[in-house]
Amino acid sequence: MNEVFTFLGIASHNHSYLFISHILLAAVLAFSVAKLATKSMQLVPKGCQNVMESFLDGVIFMGKDVIGEKLARKYLPLVATLGLLIFFANIMEIIPGFEPPSGNINMTLPLALIVFLYYNFEGIRVNGFFKYFGHFMGPLKVLAPLMFPIEIVSHLSRIISLSFRLFGNIKGDDLFVAVLLMLAPWVAPLPGFALMTFSAMLQTFIFMILTYVYLAGAVLISEEH
């Protein structure tokens, strides 16, 4: 959307430059918040430390029912980091002069690939190669030739599901408000901004909970059976 004003676009309107600069900005914001929260740790948290501890507790609580508290804490660094990065990338859509990098498939696809590769790696590491992929063949050996390709396609479709859900929702919200700004720049966009704020938080939550769900399906094979 080069026709829309962005602060970083003052230097250049090149699409690759805008995308990379905004995703770096999201990463810097996520790192800065984490650094600020841990700069002067206190027994009774307040300020940024309090916010971050509440966020981390919320992520653990979210994953506890999916994968158990012990594993929710184990995979907290991955899920919380993804959550922070995606949240700051999403929230840029409600700030005039910024373009959300999560509205670009070049961000959401690599994030989906990271989750896909990591949960498969964890499944193989925890259960072993043969037990993990044997799980793809279903409970009955006679169904294995049918179940195995279905499971492979199902797992590959998770890459598309994770990446396109986030990309599509954020890009759709961005285009929706852009149209409202052209039609009625002062009044009509206000409900749109409220919707975008909710959508930014919701899509962050969905990405994190699905990461926990995929990890649970990979490492808890024995419990599943």
C-alpha atoms as a PDB file:
ATOM      1  CA  MET A   1       0.000   0.000   0.000  1.00  0.00           C
ATOM      2  CA  ASN A   2       2.577   2.541  -1.143  1.00  0.00           C
ATOM      3  CA  GLU A   3      -0.107   5.167  -1.657  1.00  0.00           C
ATOM      4  CA  VAL A   4      -0.714   5.305   2.117  1.00  0.00           C
ATOM      5  CA  PHE A   5       1.552   7.628   4.092  1.00  0.00           C
ATOM      6  CA  THR A   6       4.006   5.949   6.460  1.00  0.00           C
ATOM      7  CA  PHE A   7       6.669   7.642   8.565  1.00  0.00           C
ATOM      8  CA  LEU A   8       9.295   5.140   7.449  1.00  0.00           C
ATOM      9  CA  GLY A   9       8.173   5.705   3.862  1.00  0.00           C
ATOM     10  CA  ILE A  10       9.661   9.191   3.983  1.00  0.00           C
ATOM     11  CA  ALA A  11      13.046   7.607   3.272  1.00  0.00           C
ATOM     12  CA  SER A  12      11.771   5.300   0.525  1.00  0.00           C
ATOM     13  CA  HIS A  13       8.484   3.894  -0.817  1.00  0.00           C
ATOM     14  CA  ASN A  14      10.130   0.630  -1.846  1.00  0.00           C
ATOM     15  CA  HIS A  15       7.837  -2.174  -0.662  1.00  0.00           C
ATOM     16  CA  SER A  16      10.671  -4.443   0.519  1.00  0.00           C
ATOM     17  CA  TYR A  17      12.214  -1.582   2.495  1.00  0.00           C
ATOM     18  CA  LEU A  18       8.881  -0.763   4.171  1.00  0.00           C
ATOM     19  CA  PHE A  19       8.232  -4.391   5.080  1.00  0.00           C
ATOM     20  CA  ILE A  20      11.705  -5.053   6.490  1.00  0.00           C
ATOM     21  CA  SER A  21      11.833  -1.759   8.401  1.00  0.00           C
ATOM     22  CA  HIS A  22       8.432  -2.355  10.013  1.00  0.00           C
ATOM     23  CA  ILE A  23       9.204  -5.940  11.015  1.00  0.00           C
ATOM     24  CA  LEU A  24      12.510  -4.763  12.506  1.00  0.00           C
ATOM     25  CA  LEU A  25      10.604  -2.071  14.381  1.00  0.00           C
ATOM     26  CA  ALA A  26       8.233  -4.726  15.791  1.00  0.00           C
ATOM     27  CA  ALA A  27      11.225  -6.833  16.867  1.00  0.00           C
ATOM     28  CA  VAL A  28      12.914  -3.839  18.496  1.00  0.00           C
ATOM     29  CA  LEU A  29       9.711  -2.959  20.382  1.00  0.00           C
ATOM     30  CA  ALA A  30       9.306  -6.536  21.621  1.00  0.00           C
ATOM     31  CA  PHE A  31      12.960  -6.700  22.718  1.00  0.00           C
ATOM     32  CA  SER A  32      12.785  -3.260  24.375  1.00  0.00           C
ATOM     33  CA  VAL A  33       9.692  -4.153  26.395  1.00  0.00           C
ATOM     34  CA  ALA A  34      11.294  -7.424  27.534  1.00  0.00           C
ATOM     35  CA  LYS A  35      14.527  -5.612  28.415  1.00  0.00           C
ATOM     36  CA  LEU A  36      12.684  -2.871  30.294  1.00  0.00           C
ATOM     37  CA  ALA A  37      10.684  -5.431  32.286  1.00  0.00           C
ATOM     38  CA  THR A  38      13.844  -7.245  33.424  1.00  0.00           C
ATOM     39  CA  LYS A  39      16.095  -4.214  33.899  1.00  0.00           C
ATOM     40  CA  SER A  40      15.413  -3.786  37.626  1.00  0.00           C
ATOM     41  CA  MET A  41      13.506  -6.821  38.871  1.00  0.00           C
ATOM     42  CA  GLN A  42      11.586  -6.350  42.120  1.00  0.00           C
ATOM     43  CA  LEU A  43       9.935  -8.815  44.479  1.00  0.00           C
ATOM     44  CA  VAL A  44       6.704  -6.838  44.211  1.00  0.00           C
ATOM     45  CA  PRO A  45       6.438  -6.129  40.485  1.00  0.00           C
ATOM     46  CA  LYS A  46       5.191  -2.828  39.158  1.00  0.00           C
ATOM     47  CA  GLY A  47       5.163  -0.974  35.892  1.00  0.00           C
ATOM     48  CA  CYS A  48       6.489  -2.854  32.881  1.00  0.00           C
ATOM     49  CA  GLN A  49       7.627  -5.799  34.994  1.00  0.00           C
ATOM     50  CA  ASN A  50       4.070  -6.227  36.285  1.00  0.00           C
ATOM     51  CA  VAL A  51       2.644  -6.127  32.768  1.00  0.00           C
ATOM     52  CA  MET A  52       5.145  -8.676  31.462  1.00  0.00           C
ATOM     53  CA  GLU A  53       4.656 -11.028  34.408  1.00  0.00           C
ATOM     54  CA  SER A  54       0.888 -10.866  33.860  1.00  0.00           C
ATOM     55  CA  PHE A  55       1.432 -11.631  30.180  1.00  0.00           C
ATOM     56  CA  LEU A  56       3.683 -14.617  30.920  1.00  0.00           C
ATOM     57  CA  ASP A  57       1.292 -15.948  33.548  1.00  0.00           C
ATOM     58  CA  GLY A  58      -1.505 -15.633  31.005  1.00  0.00           C
ATOM     59  CA  VAL A  59       0.484 -17.564  28.385  1.00  0.00           C
ATOM     60  CA  ILE A  60       1.214 -20.365  30.878  1.00  0.00           C
ATOM     61  CA  PHE A  61      -2.446 -20.468  31.951  1.00  0.00           C
ATOM     62  CA  MET A  62      -3.471 -20.616  28.294  1.00  0.00           C
ATOM     63  CA  GLY A  63      -1.160 -23.557  27.589  1.00  0.00           C
ATOM     64  CA  LYS A  64      -1.784 -25.422  30.864  1.00  0.00           C
ATOM     65  CA  ASP A  65      -5.062 -27.001  29.747  1.00  0.00           C
ATOM     66  CA  VAL A  66      -3.618 -27.859  26.341  1.00  0.00           C
ATOM     67  CA  ILE A  67      -0.242 -29.353  27.169  1.00  0.00           C
ATOM     68  CA  GLY A  68       0.062 -29.328  30.965  1.00  0.00           C
ATOM     69  CA  GLU A  69       1.716 -26.738  33.190  1.00  0.00           C
ATOM     70  CA  LYS A  70       5.190 -28.323  33.084  1.00  0.00           C
ATOM     71  CA  LEU A  71       5.361 -28.356  29.282  1.00  0.00           C
ATOM     72  CA  ALA A  72       3.591 -24.980  29.055  1.00  0.00           C
ATOM     73  CA  ARG A  73       6.488 -23.514  31.047  1.00  0.00           C
ATOM     74  CA  LYS A  74       9.043 -25.427  28.990  1.00  0.00           C
ATOM     75  CA  TYR A  75       7.784 -23.999  25.705  1.00  0.00           C
ATOM     76  CA  LEU A  76       6.988 -20.569  27.177  1.00  0.00           C
ATOM     77  CA  PRO A  77      10.065 -18.852  25.606  1.00  0.00           C
ATOM     78  CA  LEU A  78       8.967 -19.840  22.093  1.00  0.00           C
ATOM     79  CA  VAL A  79       5.269 -19.078  22.507  1.00  0.00           C
ATOM     80  CA  ALA A  80       5.768 -15.820  24.435  1.00  0.00           C
ATOM     81  CA  THR A  81       8.382 -14.542  21.956  1.00  0.00           C
ATOM     82  CA  LEU A  82       6.077 -15.292  19.035  1.00  0.00           C
ATOM     83  CA  GLY A  83       3.241 -13.590  20.910  1.00  0.00           C
ATOM     84  CA  LEU A  84       5.194 -10.406  21.601  1.00  0.00           C
ATOM     85  CA  LEU A  85       6.498 -10.118  18.041  1.00  0.00           C
ATOM     86  CA  ILE A  86       3.115 -10.797  16.461  1.00  0.00           C
ATOM     87  CA  PHE A  87       1.306  -8.437  18.834  1.00  0.00           C
ATOM     88  CA  PHE A  88       3.576  -5.486  18.068  1.00  0.00           C
ATOM     89  CA  ALA A  89       3.436  -6.294  14.358  1.00  0.00           C
ATOM     90  CA  ASN A  90      -0.376  -6.466  14.486  1.00  0.00           C
ATOM     91  CA  ILE A  91      -0.917  -3.366  16.618  1.00  0.00           C
ATOM     92  CA  MET A  92       0.835  -1.171  14.052  1.00  0.00           C
ATOM     93  CA  GLU A  93      -2.329  -1.334  11.974  1.00  0.00           C
ATOM     94  CA  ILE A  94      -4.141   0.982  14.397  1.00  0.00           C
ATOM     95  CA  ILE A  95      -1.312   3.552  14.531  1.00  0.00           C
ATOM     96  CA  PRO A  96      -1.482   6.075  11.670  1.00  0.00           C
ATOM     97  CA  GLY A  97       1.766   6.273   9.740  1.00  0.00           C
ATOM     98  CA  PHE A  98       2.738   2.615  10.190  1.00  0.00           C
ATOM     99  CA  GLU A  99       2.076  -0.499   8.124  1.00  0.00           C
ATOM    100  CA  PRO A 100       1.602  -3.835   9.956  1.00  0.00           C
ATOM    101  CA  PRO A 101       4.243  -6.340   8.747  1.00  0.00           C
ATOM    102  CA  SER A 102       1.972  -9.215   9.807  1.00  0.00           C
ATOM    103  CA  GLY A 103      -0.266  -8.166   6.917  1.00  0.00           C
ATOM    104  CA  ASN A 104       2.451  -9.542   4.640  1.00  0.00           C
ATOM    105  CA  ILE A 105       2.804 -13.255   3.883  1.00  0.00           C
ATOM    106  CA  ASN A 106       6.589 -12.845   3.946  1.00  0.00           C
ATOM    107  CA  MET A 107       6.375 -12.497   7.728  1.00  0.00           C
ATOM    108  CA  THR A 108       3.600 -14.930   8.592  1.00  0.00           C
ATOM    109  CA  LEU A 109       4.918 -17.793   6.430  1.00  0.00           C
ATOM    110  CA  PRO A 110       8.383 -17.923   8.096  1.00  0.00           C
ATOM    111  CA  LEU A 111       6.718 -17.816  11.532  1.00  0.00           C
ATOM    112  CA  ALA A 112       4.448 -20.709  10.544  1.00  0.00           C
ATOM    113  CA  LEU A 113       7.470 -22.647   9.238  1.00  0.00           C
ATOM    114  CA  ILE A 114       9.313 -22.073  12.531  1.00  0.00           C
ATOM    115  CA  VAL A 115       6.382 -23.559  14.463  1.00  0.00           C
ATOM    116  CA  PHE A 116       6.009 -26.445  11.986  1.00  0.00           C
ATOM    117  CA  LEU A 117       9.689 -27.405  12.054  1.00  0.00           C
ATOM    118  CA  TYR A 118       9.992 -26.993  15.824  1.00  0.00           C
ATOM    119  CA  TYR A 119       6.991 -29.094  16.854  1.00  0.00           C
ATOM    120  CA  ASN A 120       8.025 -31.874  14.470  1.00  0.00           C
ATOM    121  CA  PHE A 121      11.579 -31.715  15.834  1.00  0.00           C
ATOM    122  CA  GLU A 122      10.229 -31.930  19.395  1.00  0.00           C
ATOM    123  CA  GLY A 123       7.969 -34.834  18.454  1.00  0.00           C
ATOM    124  CA  ILE A 124      10.909 -36.783  17.043  1.00  0.00           C
ATOM    125  CA  ARG A 125      13.208 -35.836  19.933  1.00  0.00           C
ATOM    126  CA  VAL A 126      10.734 -36.832  22.655  1.00  0.00           C
ATOM    127  CA  ASN A 127       9.208 -39.949  21.069  1.00  0.00           C
ATOM    128  CA  GLY A 128      11.849 -41.127  18.626  1.00  0.00           C
ATOM    129  CA  PHE A 129      11.698 -41.109  14.832  1.00  0.00           C
ATOM    130  CA  PHE A 130       9.776 -44.357  14.293  1.00  0.00           C
ATOM    131  CA  LYS A 131       7.259 -43.878  17.105  1.00  0.00           C
ATOM    132  CA  TYR A 132       6.531 -40.309  16.032  1.00  0.00           C
ATOM    133  CA  PHE A 133       5.915 -41.095  12.376  1.00  0.00           C
ATOM    134  CA  GLY A 134       4.262 -44.387  13.311  1.00  0.00           C
ATOM    135  CA  HIS A 135       1.655 -42.213  14.994  1.00  0.00           C
ATOM    136  CA  PHE A 136       0.776 -40.882  11.535  1.00  0.00           C
ATOM    137  CA  MET A 137      -0.388 -44.364  10.451  1.00  0.00           C
ATOM    138  CA  GLY A 138      -3.411 -44.522  12.706  1.00  0.00           C
ATOM    139  CA  PRO A 139      -4.477 -47.131  15.278  1.00  0.00           C
ATOM    140  CA  LEU A 140      -4.942 -49.977  12.751  1.00  0.00           C
ATOM    141  CA  LYS A 141      -2.155 -51.256  10.523  1.00  0.00           C
ATOM    142  CA  VAL A 142      -4.610 -52.039   7.739  1.00  0.00           C
ATOM    143  CA  LEU A 143      -5.456 -48.315   7.514  1.00  0.00           C
ATOM    144  CA  ALA A 144      -1.818 -47.183   7.438  1.00  0.00           C
ATOM    145  CA  PRO A 145      -1.563 -46.751   3.607  1.00  0.00           C
ATOM    146  CA  LEU A 146      -4.601 -44.464   3.763  1.00  0.00           C
ATOM    147  CA  MET A 147      -3.902 -42.656   7.029  1.00  0.00           C
ATOM    148  CA  PHE A 148      -0.224 -41.799   6.472  1.00  0.00           C
ATOM    149  CA  PRO A 149      -0.671 -39.563   3.368  1.00  0.00           C
ATOM    150  CA  ILE A 150      -3.745 -37.965   4.965  1.00  0.00           C
ATOM    151  CA  GLU A 151      -1.727 -37.111   8.087  1.00  0.00           C
ATOM    152  CA  ILE A 152       1.148 -35.718   6.016  1.00  0.00           C
ATOM    153  CA  VAL A 153      -1.231 -33.457   4.079  1.00  0.00           C
ATOM    154  CA  SER A 154      -2.954 -32.476   7.334  1.00  0.00           C
ATOM    155  CA  HIS A 155       0.343 -31.411   8.928  1.00  0.00           C
ATOM    156  CA  LEU A 156       1.490 -29.520   5.839  1.00  0.00           C
ATOM    157  CA  SER A 157      -1.842 -27.695   5.734  1.00  0.00           C
ATOM    158  CA  ARG A 158      -1.023 -26.280   9.184  1.00  0.00           C
ATOM    159  CA  ILE A 159       1.623 -24.084   7.557  1.00  0.00           C
ATOM    160  CA  ILE A 160      -1.031 -22.590   5.298  1.00  0.00           C
ATOM    161  CA  SER A 161      -3.531 -22.327   8.146  1.00  0.00           C
ATOM    162  CA  LEU A 162      -1.145 -20.488  10.490  1.00  0.00           C
ATOM    163  CA  SER A 163       0.318 -18.146   7.894  1.00  0.00           C
ATOM    164  CA  PHE A 164      -2.787 -17.264   5.870  1.00  0.00           C
ATOM    165  CA  ARG A 165      -5.076 -16.846   8.890  1.00  0.00           C
ATOM    166  CA  LEU A 166      -2.823 -14.190  10.412  1.00  0.00           C
ATOM    167  CA  PHE A 167      -1.933 -12.557   7.088  1.00  0.00           C
ATOM    168  CA  GLY A 168      -5.509 -12.561   5.789  1.00  0.00           C
ATOM    169  CA  ASN A 169      -7.103 -11.088   8.904  1.00  0.00           C
ATOM    170  CA  ILE A 170      -4.560  -8.308   9.403  1.00  0.00           C
ATOM    171  CA  LYS A 171      -4.444  -7.427   5.696  1.00  0.00           C
ATOM    172  CA  GLY A 172      -8.240  -7.462   5.522  1.00  0.00           C
ATOM    173  CA  ASP A 173      -8.549  -5.117   8.495  1.00  0.00           C
ATOM    174  CA  ASP A 174      -5.933  -2.814   6.979  1.00  0.00           C
ATOM    175  CA  LEU A 175      -7.771  -2.594   3.655  1.00  0.00           C
ATOM    176  CA  PHE A 176     -11.127  -2.166   5.394  1.00  0.00           C
ATOM    177  CA  VAL A 177      -9.982   0.867   7.385  1.00  0.00           C
ATOM    178  CA  ALA A 178      -8.154   2.281   4.339  1.00  0.00           C
ATOM    179  CA  VAL A 179     -11.484   2.302   2.482  1.00  0.00           C
ATOM    180  CA  LEU A 180     -13.220   3.928   5.466  1.00  0.00           C
ATOM    181  CA  LEU A 181     -10.532   6.616   5.599  1.00  0.00           C
ATOM    182  CA  MET A 182     -11.175   7.465   1.960  1.00  0.00           C
ATOM    183  CA  LEU A 183     -14.966   7.591   2.445  1.00  0.00           C
ATOM    184  CA  ALA A 184     -15.226   9.425   5.771  1.00  0.00           C
ATOM    185  CA  PRO A 185     -11.810  10.210   7.250  1.00  0.00           C
ATOM    186  CA  TRP A 186     -12.962  11.622  10.611  1.00  0.00           C
ATOM    187  CA  VAL A 187     -15.966   9.598  11.840  1.00  0.00           C
ATOM    188  CA  ALA A 188     -16.343   6.242  10.071  1.00  0.00           C
ATOM    189  CA  PRO A 189     -12.885   4.793  10.913  1.00  0.00           C
ATOM    190  CA  LEU A 190     -13.440   4.918  14.706  1.00  0.00           C
ATOM    191  CA  PRO A 191     -15.407   1.609  14.889  1.00  0.00           C
ATOM    192  CA  GLY A 192     -12.864   0.177  12.469  1.00  0.00           C
ATOM    193  CA  PHE A 193      -9.974   1.027  14.789  1.00  0.00           C
ATOM    194  CA  ALA A 194     -11.797  -0.662  17.686  1.00  0.00           C
ATOM    195  CA  LEU A 195     -12.301  -3.754  15.543  1.00  0.00           C
ATOM    196  CA  MET A 196      -8.646  -3.744  14.504  1.00  0.00           C
ATOM    197  CA  THR A 197      -7.485  -3.520  18.127  1.00  0.00           C
ATOM    198  CA  PHE A 198      -9.587  -6.540  19.042  1.00  0.00           C
ATOM    199  CA  SER A 199      -8.437  -8.402  15.927  1.00  0.00           C
ATOM    200  CA  ALA A 200      -4.749  -7.679  16.688  1.00  0.00           C
ATOM    201  CA  MET A 201      -5.065  -9.253  20.137  1.00  0.00           C
ATOM    202  CA  LEU A 202      -7.269 -12.119  18.941  1.00  0.00           C
ATOM    203  CA  GLN A 203      -4.924 -13.145  16.126  1.00  0.00           C
ATOM    204  CA  THR A 204      -1.980 -13.076  18.536  1.00  0.00           C
ATOM    205  CA  PHE A 205      -3.878 -15.354  20.921  1.00  0.00           C
ATOM    206  CA  ILE A 206      -4.877 -17.763  18.133  1.00  0.00           C
ATOM    207  CA  PHE A 207      -1.299 -18.102  16.875  1.00  0.00           C
ATOM    208  CA  MET A 208      -0.010 -18.816  20.392  1.00  0.00           C
ATOM    209  CA  ILE A 209      -2.733 -21.328  21.316  1.00  0.00           C
ATOM    210  CA  LEU A 210      -2.306 -23.194  18.026  1.00  0.00           C
ATOM    211  CA  THR A 211       1.434 -23.422  18.689  1.00  0.00           C
ATOM    212  CA  TYR A 212       0.657 -25.079  22.020  1.00  0.00           C
ATOM    213  CA  VAL A 213      -1.893 -27.385  20.359  1.00  0.00           C
ATOM    214  CA  TYR A 214       0.578 -28.535  17.696  1.00  0.00           C
ATOM    215  CA  LEU A 215       3.292 -29.083  20.309  1.00  0.00           C
ATOM    216  CA  ALA A 216       0.875 -31.111  22.432  1.00  0.00           C
ATOM    217  CA  GLY A 217      -0.040 -33.303  19.471  1.00  0.00           C
ATOM    218  CA  ALA A 218       3.651 -33.923  18.784  1.00  0.00           C
ATOM    219  CA  VAL A 219       5.033 -34.665  22.256  1.00  0.00           C
ATOM    220  CA  LEU A 220       2.045 -36.227  24.035  1.00  0.00           C
ATOM    221  CA  ILE A 221       1.604 -39.218  21.738  1.00  0.00           C
ATOM    222  CA  SER A 222       1.525 -41.775  24.590  1.00  0.00           C
ATOM    223  CA  GLU A 223      -1.182 -39.847  26.468  1.00  0.00           C
ATOM    224  CA  GLU A 224      -3.165 -39.438  23.258  1.00  0.00           C
ATOM    225  CA  HIS A 225      -3.291 -43.183  22.759  1.00  0.00           C
END
